[in-house]
């Protein structure tokens, strides 16, 4: 089953976050390079903070505008 980018961008925020996380995991995790324990702890901490306070985050569009605007 395939999806268009347009369809995916219409998903609810939480589903898009989960999808983005899964996509990043699929390209960033190199099984031959172990992840340091401190990095795992930091990632877990940040994920838990986001889940506990989802409204405290900043939308990607806002960050992109602030830091990558030309």
Protein backbone atom coordinates (compact mmCIF):
# COMPACT_ATOMS: atom_id res chain seq x y z
CA UNK A 1 0.00 0.00 0.00
CA UNK A 2 1.41 3.40 -0.88
CA UNK A 3 0.52 6.85 0.39
CA UNK A 4 1.07 10.26 -1.06
CA UNK A 5 3.00 12.90 0.82
CA UNK A 6 -0.14 15.05 0.80
CA UNK A 7 -2.14 12.29 2.52
CA UNK A 8 0.54 11.71 5.13
CA UNK A 9 0.71 15.41 6.00
CA UNK A 10 -3.04 15.32 6.77
CA UNK A 11 -2.57 12.72 9.52
CA UNK A 12 -3.12 13.83 13.12
CA UNK A 13 -0.07 15.30 14.83
CA UNK A 14 0.63 12.28 17.03
CA UNK A 15 0.52 9.90 14.04
CA UNK A 16 2.88 12.15 12.07
CA UNK A 17 5.29 12.25 15.02
CA UNK A 18 5.25 8.48 15.30
CA UNK A 19 5.75 8.09 11.56
CA UNK A 20 8.62 10.61 11.57
CA UNK A 21 10.26 8.75 14.45
CA UNK A 22 9.89 5.41 12.68
CA UNK A 23 11.31 6.85 9.46
CA UNK A 24 14.29 8.36 11.24
CA UNK A 25 14.91 5.11 13.07
CA UNK A 26 14.89 3.25 9.79
CA UNK A 27 17.65 5.41 8.29
CA UNK A 28 19.71 6.46 11.30
CA UNK A 29 20.14 3.22 13.16
CA UNK A 30 23.16 1.32 11.96
CA UNK A 31 23.13 -2.06 13.66
CA UNK A 32 26.91 -2.35 13.26
CA UNK A 33 27.45 0.81 15.36
CA UNK A 34 26.16 0.43 18.91
CA UNK A 35 24.49 3.45 20.46
CA UNK A 36 26.18 4.71 23.61
CA UNK A 37 24.13 4.15 26.75
CA UNK A 38 24.09 7.88 27.58
CA UNK A 39 22.59 8.60 24.15
CA UNK A 40 19.86 6.01 24.69
CA UNK A 41 19.05 7.55 28.07
CA UNK A 42 18.91 11.06 26.60
CA UNK A 43 16.66 9.96 23.74
CA UNK A 44 14.36 8.11 26.12
CA UNK A 45 14.21 11.14 28.42
CA UNK A 46 13.31 13.48 25.56
CA UNK A 47 10.68 11.13 24.15
CA UNK A 48 9.09 10.83 27.60
CA UNK A 49 9.11 14.62 28.04
CA UNK A 50 7.40 15.05 24.68
CA UNK A 51 4.77 12.43 25.48
CA UNK A 52 4.10 13.99 28.90
CA UNK A 53 3.92 17.55 27.53
CA UNK A 54 3.15 17.46 23.80
CA UNK A 55 2.00 21.10 23.80
CA UNK A 56 5.42 22.29 25.00
CA UNK A 57 7.12 21.36 21.74
CA UNK A 58 7.74 23.57 18.75
CA UNK A 59 6.31 22.72 15.36
CA UNK A 60 8.84 21.96 12.64
CA UNK A 61 7.43 24.72 10.43
CA UNK A 62 8.15 27.28 13.15
CA UNK A 63 11.70 26.01 13.69
CA UNK A 64 12.35 25.94 9.96
CA UNK A 65 11.09 29.51 9.62
CA UNK A 66 13.17 30.71 12.56
CA UNK A 67 16.46 28.95 11.79
CA UNK A 68 16.41 28.18 8.09
CA UNK A 69 14.57 31.14 6.57
CA UNK A 70 16.51 32.91 3.86
